Protein backbone atom coordinates (compact mmCIF):
# COMPACT_ATOMS: atom_id res chain seq x y z
CA MET A 1 31.99 9.34 140.42
CA TYR A 2 32.35 12.94 141.54
CA ILE A 3 35.95 13.96 142.29
CA PRO A 4 36.17 16.71 144.93
CA SER A 5 38.86 19.31 144.25
CA ASP A 6 39.58 19.66 147.99
CA PRO A 7 42.44 17.25 148.81
CA ASP A 8 41.17 16.35 152.28
CA MET A 9 37.67 15.55 151.01
CA LEU A 10 39.12 13.51 148.15
CA LEU A 11 41.46 11.67 150.53
CA SER A 12 38.55 10.62 152.72
CA LEU A 13 36.44 9.52 149.75
CA ILE A 14 39.19 7.56 148.00
CA ASN A 15 40.54 5.86 151.14
CA THR A 16 37.01 4.80 152.15
CA LYS A 17 36.39 3.32 148.71
CA LEU A 18 39.77 1.58 148.74
CA ARG A 19 39.12 0.14 152.19
CA ASP A 20 35.55 -0.98 151.57
CA GLU A 21 35.23 -1.75 147.87
CA TYR A 22 38.46 -2.00 145.85
CA PRO A 23 41.67 -4.01 146.20
CA SER A 24 43.76 -1.33 144.44
CA LEU A 25 43.74 2.22 143.15
CA ASP A 26 43.87 0.92 139.58
CA ASP A 27 40.74 -1.20 140.16
CA LEU A 28 38.90 1.79 141.62
CA CYS A 29 39.86 4.00 138.68
CA ASP A 30 38.94 1.36 136.10
CA SER A 31 35.61 0.59 137.73
CA GLN A 32 34.63 4.24 138.20
CA ASP A 33 36.07 5.40 134.86
CA ILE A 34 38.37 7.90 136.58
CA GLU A 35 41.75 9.05 135.33
CA LYS A 36 44.28 8.00 137.97
CA SER A 37 46.31 11.09 137.11
CA ARG A 38 43.36 13.30 138.13
CA ILE A 39 43.40 11.83 141.64
CA LEU A 40 47.17 12.10 141.90
CA GLU A 41 47.28 15.72 140.71
CA ILE A 42 45.00 16.69 143.59
CA LEU A 43 46.44 14.52 146.37
CA GLU A 44 50.19 14.57 145.71
CA PRO A 45 50.65 18.37 145.95
CA ALA A 46 48.91 18.17 149.34
CA GLY A 47 51.55 15.67 150.48
CA TYR A 48 49.54 12.45 150.10
CA LYS A 49 51.15 9.42 148.46
CA TYR A 50 49.53 6.12 147.54
CA ASP A 51 50.89 3.17 149.54
CA GLU A 52 50.22 0.02 147.50
CA SER A 53 51.00 -2.33 150.39
CA GLN A 54 48.39 -0.60 152.59
CA ASN A 55 46.04 0.22 149.69
CA GLN A 56 45.57 3.76 150.92
CA PHE A 57 46.84 7.28 150.58
CA LYS A 58 48.88 8.60 153.51
């Protein structure tokens, strides 16, 4: 899966996948063979944090 370097584009992509296809961020990363740290290093500096209870970044 392509990982956009723009945080807002990545946020939209990841939250859509989490909502529609995956029960957790770990499942998405495992299924798509993505390093979770790669997602976090783009989204966290932009102020987005993963909320496990909501299964989305906010």
